[in-house]
Amino acid sequence: MRRLALGILLLLTHLCEAQFGSAVAFPNSSEKTVLDKSPEFFVLNWKQGTILNRSETPMEIVVDSVGAQKVNIFRDNSDAPVLYSSNIITPVCADGDCRLMHITLYWTLLGDYAGFDRSSEEPLTKHDHDEFLFSDYWKLHELLKDHNSILKRRAIDELVTKPKPSTVEGVDALSGATIKEVKESVVSGALYSCYVAWHLVHGEIKDQIKAFTVAQQTEQMWVRMLNSEHTNYQMYALENLTKNQYDTNFSRISTLFKSGIPLVRSFIIKNLAESFSKEPNKMQPFWDALPYIDINTRSLLLQHIDTASEATVTSISGQLSVLTKNQIRDFLSHLENETKISSEILKNLRAFADSSKEKNSYLVVQFLEDNS
């Protein structure tokens, strides 16, 4: 299948040779040397006033058989790396008419898709060379964000039903409908363009970019990633920070525990397990996040209830409504092991037990009866 796909790509190149000349890397006069505004389609946050300057890297990305095209890096005024980019020019053919697809792709420092800029002079086109609408560009953006798209697992000829080559055997010229599994995620009439763009973004260049970043990483880079709103940056920073760096950045980490995704939260709590027993008062920001975190992370947090301060236990006794049945049971099991339960905790338990709105109130009723 992959050989067939390669043959199709070679055919497209030959077709474009006839129309454009030699199949070599095409000139790119529009490539930006300074980036002073966010790419039009972008997944990262762009801070107003940011100015990035382009510099070269030794990396290249192979575009069909057109040739290798450079991958550049954009750095801020402190020379810190921020973004990778490549201005892609590749042939797209349909019904014997060939044009060049112009698109500037961007990657994060970890090699993930970051966004793209379209060319105002050479817009992307669909079958019959109808120009992309804004909604088409947005659909392409959503497709490229999906690193696990079906395009990852299928060769191009597997994405259409009963392909019958027409006069020109370009993929977008194949007679046959796009299969149902992929039809909703690609731009109608631009299957080949979407396929090429996705594989350029998520191909071998991803690992090369990450390796290039790792080779020049610094503590300052980790801290910037930690303070980013980008989840993959947060996780990478958390995975690389030392114990001392965790302490130095504790405020940010406790904020991430409250606002981050479950993966980030669980990673944090597992890496700070010792702190719950050794520094219980310091961990109060984590307990304060109890009403705001997901169920699974809440269960991980409650595993440390036996080392929590009395103030924390009292606070939780007033928040039983956010706990699941099993979590309430775990909390009550902790109280059973206490030699004495404070009057404030008992007050909170009675209030919960007497509430007609709490479906799990019977658990507390039974606990109070057994421990009266």
Protein backbone atom coordinates (compact mmCIF):
# COMPACT_ATOMS: atom_id res chain seq x y z
CA MET A 1 0.00 0.00 0.00
CA ARG A 2 2.77 2.39 0.93
CA ARG A 3 4.49 1.68 -2.39
CA LEU A 4 1.30 2.62 -4.20
CA ALA A 5 1.10 5.86 -2.22
CA LEU A 6 4.72 6.63 -3.09
CA GLY A 7 3.99 5.94 -6.74
CA ILE A 8 1.13 8.42 -6.63
CA LEU A 9 3.38 11.06 -5.11
CA LEU A 10 5.99 10.50 -7.83
CA LEU A 11 3.31 10.79 -10.51
CA LEU A 12 2.16 14.12 -9.06
CA THR A 13 5.71 15.39 -9.22
CA HIS A 14 6.08 14.39 -12.88
CA LEU A 15 2.80 16.12 -13.69
CA CYS A 16 3.99 19.26 -12.02
CA GLU A 17 7.33 19.07 -13.80
CA ALA A 18 5.43 19.36 -17.04
CA GLN A 19 3.61 22.44 -15.80
CA PHE A 20 6.19 24.07 -13.51
CA GLY A 21 9.51 22.74 -14.73
CA SER A 22 12.19 20.85 -12.81
CA ALA A 23 11.17 19.11 -9.61
CA VAL A 24 13.43 20.96 -7.24
CA ALA A 25 12.77 23.01 -4.12
CA PHE A 26 10.70 26.01 -5.11
CA PRO A 27 11.73 29.57 -4.25
CA ASN A 28 10.07 31.11 -1.26
CA SER A 29 10.09 34.86 -1.23
CA SER A 30 7.26 35.13 1.31
CA GLU A 31 8.96 33.29 4.18
CA LYS A 32 8.99 35.45 7.30
CA THR A 33 12.19 36.40 9.06
CA VAL A 34 10.32 38.12 11.91
CA LEU A 35 7.12 36.92 13.55
CA ASP A 36 5.37 39.78 15.33
CA LYS A 37 1.86 38.37 15.49
CA SER A 38 0.27 35.01 16.09
CA PRO A 39 -0.02 32.58 13.19
CA GLU A 40 -3.56 32.72 11.87
CA PHE A 41 -4.35 29.18 13.04
CA PHE A 42 -2.55 28.51 16.32
CA VAL A 43 -2.86 26.27 19.37
CA LEU A 44 -0.52 28.14 21.73
CA ASN A 45 -1.12 31.39 23.57
CA TRP A 46 0.38 34.47 21.95
CA LYS A 47 1.38 37.32 24.21
CA GLN A 48 0.69 40.77 22.82
CA GLY A 49 3.90 42.53 21.81
CA THR A 50 5.86 39.32 21.20
CA ILE A 51 8.52 39.60 18.51
CA LEU A 52 10.29 36.46 17.32
CA ASN A 53 13.31 36.33 15.05
CA ARG A 54 13.98 33.47 12.68
CA SER A 55 17.23 31.56 12.59
CA GLU A 56 18.23 28.43 10.72
CA THR A 57 18.53 24.90 12.04
CA PRO A 58 20.27 21.91 10.44
CA MET A 59 16.89 20.19 10.10
CA GLU A 60 15.06 19.70 6.85
CA ILE A 61 11.71 18.21 5.93
CA VAL A 62 11.35 16.16 2.75
CA VAL A 63 8.29 17.17 0.74
CA ASP A 64 7.35 14.39 -1.69
CA SER A 65 10.18 14.24 -4.23
CA VAL A 66 10.20 18.01 -4.65
CA GLY A 67 13.17 18.25 -2.34
CA ALA A 68 14.18 19.07 1.20
CA GLN A 69 12.80 22.28 2.67
CA LYS A 70 14.32 23.98 5.67
CA VAL A 71 12.94 23.89 9.19
CA ASN A 72 13.67 27.14 11.01
CA ILE A 73 13.41 28.18 14.63
CA PHE A 74 11.95 31.42 15.96
CA ARG A 75 13.57 32.88 19.09
CA ASP A 76 12.52 35.73 21.36
CA ASN A 77 14.62 38.79 22.21
CA SER A 78 16.49 36.82 24.89
CA ASP A 79 17.42 34.22 22.26
CA ALA A 80 15.17 31.62 23.90
CA PRO A 81 13.62 29.17 21.42
CA VAL A 82 9.86 29.55 21.03
CA LEU A 83 8.60 28.00 17.80
CA TYR A 84 9.70 25.97 14.78
CA SER A 85 8.44 26.57 11.26
CA SER A 86 8.77 25.46 7.68
CA ASN A 87 7.38 27.10 4.60
CA ILE A 88 6.01 24.20 2.57
CA ILE A 89 5.53 24.26 -1.18
CA THR A 90 4.34 21.01 -2.73
CA PRO A 91 2.43 20.07 -5.89
CA VAL A 92 -1.25 19.15 -5.80
CA CYS A 93 -2.83 17.90 -9.00
CA ALA A 94 -6.41 17.24 -10.05
CA ASP A 95 -7.92 16.49 -13.46
CA GLY A 96 -4.65 17.22 -15.26
CA ASP A 97 -4.29 20.69 -13.77
CA CYS A 98 -1.48 21.12 -11.24
CA ARG A 99 -0.90 23.88 -8.73
CA LEU A 100 1.42 24.34 -5.82
CA MET A 101 0.15 24.10 -2.27
CA HIS A 102 1.66 26.90 -0.17
CA ILE A 103 1.42 26.62 3.61
CA THR A 104 3.63 27.63 6.52
CA LEU A 105 3.58 25.00 9.25
CA TYR A 106 4.53 25.56 12.88
CA TRP A 107 5.64 23.14 15.58
CA THR A 108 6.02 23.53 19.33
CA LEU A 109 9.37 23.06 21.04
CA LEU A 110 8.39 19.42 21.63
CA GLY A 111 7.58 18.77 17.97
CA ASP A 112 3.80 18.91 18.33
CA TYR A 113 1.60 20.71 15.84
CA ALA A 114 1.37 24.40 16.72
CA GLY A 115 -0.51 25.90 13.76
CA PHE A 116 -0.21 27.23 10.25
CA ASP A 117 -0.38 30.35 8.12
CA ARG A 118 -2.06 30.32 4.73
CA SER A 119 -0.70 32.19 1.74
CA SER A 120 -2.74 35.23 0.73
CA GLU A 121 -1.34 35.00 -2.79
CA GLU A 122 -1.64 31.25 -3.25
CA PRO A 123 -4.71 30.00 -1.34
CA LEU A 124 -5.24 26.29 -0.86
CA THR A 125 -7.61 24.71 -3.36
CA LYS A 126 -9.98 21.77 -3.54
CA HIS A 127 -11.16 19.63 -6.44
CA ASP A 128 -11.56 21.73 -9.60
CA HIS A 129 -9.28 24.20 -7.81
CA ASP A 130 -12.08 25.87 -5.90
CA GLU A 131 -10.40 27.96 -3.25
CA PHE A 132 -10.61 26.96 0.41
CA LEU A 133 -13.20 28.83 2.42
CA PHE A 134 -12.30 29.97 5.94
CA SER A 135 -14.32 27.02 7.26
CA ASP A 136 -12.11 24.69 5.18
CA TYR A 137 -8.95 26.15 6.69
CA TRP A 138 -10.44 25.76 10.15
CA LYS A 139 -11.33 22.13 9.41
CA LEU A 140 -7.75 21.52 8.29
CA HIS A 141 -6.55 23.10 11.54
CA GLU A 142 -8.75 20.76 13.58
CA LEU A 143 -7.47 17.79 11.59
CA LEU A 144 -3.83 18.71 12.14
CA LYS A 145 -4.46 19.04 15.89
CA ASP A 146 -5.46 15.38 15.99
CA HIS A 147 -2.16 13.52 16.37
CA ASN A 148 -4.01 10.19 16.34
CA SER A 149 -6.08 10.75 13.20
CA ILE A 150 -7.10 7.80 11.05
CA LEU A 151 -4.69 9.29 8.49
CA LYS A 152 -1.91 7.95 10.71
CA ARG A 153 -2.95 4.35 10.14
CA ARG A 154 -4.13 4.34 6.52
CA ALA A 155 -2.36 4.69 3.21
CA ILE A 156 -3.88 7.27 0.89
CA ASP A 157 -5.45 4.65 -1.41
CA GLU A 158 -7.25 3.12 1.60
CA LEU A 159 -9.17 6.33 2.19
CA VAL A 160 -11.43 6.08 -0.87
CA THR A 161 -13.90 3.38 -1.86
CA LYS A 162 -13.27 1.39 -5.05
CA PRO A 163 -10.76 3.85 -6.51
CA LYS A 164 -10.83 3.92 -10.29
CA PRO A 165 -8.04 6.01 -11.83
CA SER A 166 -9.28 8.73 -14.11
CA THR A 167 -7.26 10.26 -16.93
CA VAL A 168 -4.80 11.61 -14.40
CA GLU A 169 -3.96 9.36 -11.49
CA GLY A 170 -3.59 12.10 -8.90
CA VAL A 171 -5.19 11.21 -5.61
CA ASP A 172 -7.64 14.07 -5.65
CA ALA A 173 -8.56 12.96 -9.16
CA LEU A 174 -9.44 9.40 -8.14
CA SER A 175 -13.04 8.50 -8.87
CA GLY A 176 -14.38 7.10 -5.64
CA ALA A 177 -15.90 8.49 -2.49
CA THR A 178 -13.89 9.26 0.60
CA ILE A 179 -14.55 6.54 3.16
CA LYS A 180 -17.01 7.34 5.93
CA GLU A 181 -14.44 7.05 8.74
CA VAL A 182 -12.43 9.97 7.44
CA LYS A 183 -14.98 11.99 5.44
CA GLU A 184 -16.07 14.17 8.34
CA SER A 185 -12.52 15.08 9.39
CA VAL A 186 -11.02 16.12 6.04
CA VAL A 187 -11.88 19.02 3.76
CA SER A 188 -14.32 17.86 1.09
CA GLY A 189 -12.56 17.71 -2.27
CA ALA A 190 -9.12 18.05 -0.70
CA LEU A 191 -8.34 14.61 0.68
CA TYR A 192 -4.85 14.49 -0.80
CA SER A 193 -3.95 17.98 0.45
CA CYS A 194 -5.15 17.10 3.95
CA TYR A 195 -3.28 13.80 3.87
CA VAL A 196 -0.02 15.41 2.80
CA ALA A 197 -0.31 18.23 5.33
CA TRP A 198 -1.06 15.82 8.21
CA HIS A 199 1.92 13.60 7.41
CA LEU A 200 4.23 16.58 7.05
CA VAL A 201 3.18 17.80 10.50
CA HIS A 202 3.23 14.43 12.26
CA GLY A 203 6.04 12.68 10.39
CA GLU A 204 9.67 12.08 11.33
CA ILE A 205 10.25 15.79 11.82
CA LYS A 206 8.42 15.64 15.18
CA ASP A 207 11.13 13.54 16.82
CA GLN A 208 13.89 15.56 15.18
CA ILE A 209 12.47 18.81 16.54
CA LYS A 210 12.12 17.42 20.07
CA ALA A 211 15.68 16.09 19.98
CA PHE A 212 16.94 19.50 18.80
CA THR A 213 15.11 21.18 21.69
CA VAL A 214 16.34 18.68 24.28
CA ALA A 215 19.92 19.28 23.15
CA GLN A 216 19.65 22.95 24.11
CA GLN A 217 17.23 22.76 27.06
CA THR A 218 17.91 24.79 30.19
CA GLU A 219 16.30 25.24 33.58
CA GLN A 220 14.88 28.53 32.32
CA MET A 221 13.19 26.68 29.46
CA TRP A 222 11.56 24.24 31.89
CA VAL A 223 10.26 27.09 34.02
CA ARG A 224 8.80 28.82 30.96
CA MET A 225 7.11 25.58 29.96
CA LEU A 226 5.78 25.13 33.49
CA ASN A 227 4.21 28.59 33.30
CA SER A 228 2.74 27.92 29.87
CA GLU A 229 -0.95 27.15 29.35
CA HIS A 230 0.05 24.34 26.97
CA THR A 231 -0.52 20.96 28.64
CA ASN A 232 2.34 19.15 26.91
CA TYR A 233 4.75 21.87 28.02
CA GLN A 234 3.49 21.59 31.60
CA MET A 235 3.94 17.82 31.62
CA TYR A 236 7.43 18.02 30.11
CA ALA A 237 8.49 20.54 32.73
CA LEU A 238 7.03 18.50 35.59
CA GLU A 239 8.84 15.41 34.33
CA ASN A 240 12.19 17.21 34.28
CA LEU A 241 12.15 19.47 37.35
CA THR A 242 14.39 18.49 40.23
CA LYS A 243 13.20 18.31 43.84
CA ASN A 244 14.64 21.77 44.50
CA GLN A 245 12.92 23.14 41.40
CA TYR A 246 9.62 21.68 42.60
CA ASP A 247 10.09 23.59 45.85
CA THR A 248 11.07 26.80 44.07
CA ASN A 249 8.04 26.63 41.78
CA PHE A 250 5.62 25.25 44.37
CA SER A 251 3.13 28.09 43.94
CA ARG A 252 2.80 27.50 40.20
CA ILE A 253 2.59 23.74 40.69
CA SER A 254 -0.20 24.05 43.25
CA THR A 255 -2.06 26.32 40.81
CA LEU A 256 -1.67 23.72 38.05
CA PHE A 257 -3.05 21.10 40.39
CA LYS A 258 -6.27 23.06 40.60
CA SER A 259 -6.53 24.19 36.98
CA GLY A 260 -4.71 21.51 35.00
CA ILE A 261 -6.07 18.46 33.22
CA PRO A 262 -6.36 15.16 35.16
CA LEU A 263 -3.10 13.83 33.70
CA VAL A 264 -1.19 16.85 35.04
CA ARG A 265 -2.92 16.64 38.43
CA SER A 266 -2.24 12.96 38.96
CA PHE A 267 1.41 13.37 37.96
CA ILE A 268 1.84 16.20 40.46
CA ILE A 269 0.22 14.38 43.36
CA LYS A 270 2.24 11.22 42.75
CA ASN A 271 5.50 13.18 42.64
CA LEU A 272 4.70 15.08 45.83
CA ALA A 273 3.56 12.05 47.82
CA GLU A 274 6.29 12.43 50.45
CA SER A 275 5.43 16.07 51.02
CA PHE A 276 1.95 15.18 52.32
CA SER A 277 3.46 13.31 55.26
CA LYS A 278 6.55 15.46 55.80
CA GLU A 279 5.04 18.92 55.22
CA PRO A 280 1.24 18.63 55.74
CA ASN A 281 0.71 22.36 56.34
CA LYS A 282 2.54 23.23 53.14
CA MET A 283 0.18 21.00 51.17
CA GLN A 284 -2.94 22.95 52.18
CA PRO A 285 -3.35 24.52 48.67
CA PHE A 286 -3.87 21.00 47.33
CA TRP A 287 -6.59 20.23 49.87
CA ASP A 288 -8.20 23.59 49.09
CA ALA A 289 -8.57 22.40 45.48
CA LEU A 290 -10.70 19.40 46.54
CA PRO A 291 -14.05 20.79 45.26
CA TYR A 292 -12.56 21.74 41.89
CA ILE A 293 -10.66 18.64 40.79
CA ASP A 294 -11.87 15.54 38.97
CA ILE A 295 -13.06 12.42 40.78
CA ASN A 296 -9.96 10.29 40.14
CA THR A 297 -7.56 12.97 41.34
CA ARG A 298 -9.77 13.53 44.38
CA SER A 299 -9.37 9.84 45.23
CA LEU A 300 -5.59 10.13 44.89
CA LEU A 301 -5.64 13.14 47.18
CA LEU A 302 -7.75 11.38 49.80
CA GLN A 303 -5.15 8.63 49.99
CA HIS A 304 -3.15 11.15 52.04
CA ILE A 305 -5.96 11.97 54.49
CA ASP A 306 -4.21 10.15 57.35
CA THR A 307 -1.35 12.68 57.28
CA ALA A 308 -3.55 15.76 56.74
CA SER A 309 -3.74 18.45 59.38
CA GLU A 310 -6.75 18.69 61.69
CA ALA A 311 -7.79 21.89 59.93
CA THR A 312 -7.80 20.03 56.61
CA VAL A 313 -9.92 17.18 57.99
CA THR A 314 -12.36 19.70 59.44
CA SER A 315 -12.59 21.49 56.12
CA ILE A 316 -13.30 18.25 54.24
CA SER A 317 -16.07 17.35 56.71
CA GLY A 318 -17.91 20.41 55.45
CA GLN A 319 -17.47 19.43 51.78
CA LEU A 320 -18.85 15.90 51.75
CA SER A 321 -21.33 16.81 49.00
CA VAL A 322 -18.49 16.89 46.44
CA LEU A 323 -17.33 13.37 47.36
CA THR A 324 -18.51 10.11 45.83
CA LYS A 325 -19.96 7.31 47.95
CA ASN A 326 -16.63 5.49 48.13
CA GLN A 327 -14.76 8.71 48.92
CA ILE A 328 -17.14 9.43 51.81
CA ARG A 329 -16.54 5.92 53.08
CA ASP A 330 -12.78 6.48 52.96
CA PHE A 331 -13.15 9.75 54.85
CA LEU A 332 -15.35 8.16 57.52
CA SER A 333 -12.87 5.28 57.87
CA HIS A 334 -10.24 7.86 58.68
CA LEU A 335 -12.46 9.40 61.35
CA GLU A 336 -13.07 5.98 62.90
CA ASN A 337 -9.34 5.69 63.58
CA GLU A 338 -9.25 9.03 65.37
CA THR A 339 -9.29 8.96 69.15
CA LYS A 340 -11.53 11.99 69.28
CA ILE A 341 -13.67 13.78 66.71
CA SER A 342 -13.93 17.53 67.17
CA SER A 343 -17.25 19.22 67.81
CA GLU A 344 -16.98 21.17 64.55
CA ILE A 345 -16.51 17.99 62.50
CA LEU A 346 -19.50 16.40 64.25
CA LYS A 347 -21.56 19.50 63.49
CA ASN A 348 -20.69 19.23 59.79
CA LEU A 349 -21.46 15.52 59.75
CA ARG A 350 -24.89 16.04 61.33
CA ALA A 351 -25.72 18.77 58.84
CA PHE A 352 -24.89 16.42 55.96
CA ALA A 353 -26.77 13.52 57.55
CA ASP A 354 -29.90 15.66 58.02
CA SER A 355 -29.93 16.96 54.46
CA SER A 356 -32.69 15.60 52.24
CA LYS A 357 -30.74 16.62 49.13
CA GLU A 358 -27.75 14.34 49.74
CA LYS A 359 -28.26 10.83 48.36
CA ASN A 360 -25.27 9.53 50.34
CA SER A 361 -26.37 11.00 53.64
CA TYR A 362 -27.31 7.51 54.91
CA LEU A 363 -23.60 6.69 55.15
CA VAL A 364 -23.05 9.49 57.63
CA VAL A 365 -26.26 8.65 59.49
CA GLN A 366 -24.98 5.11 60.03
CA PHE A 367 -21.54 6.41 61.04
CA LEU A 368 -23.03 8.74 63.67
CA GLU A 369 -25.23 5.97 65.05
CA ASP A 370 -22.27 3.60 65.31
CA ASN A 371 -20.06 6.22 66.95
CA SER A 372 -22.54 7.97 69.22
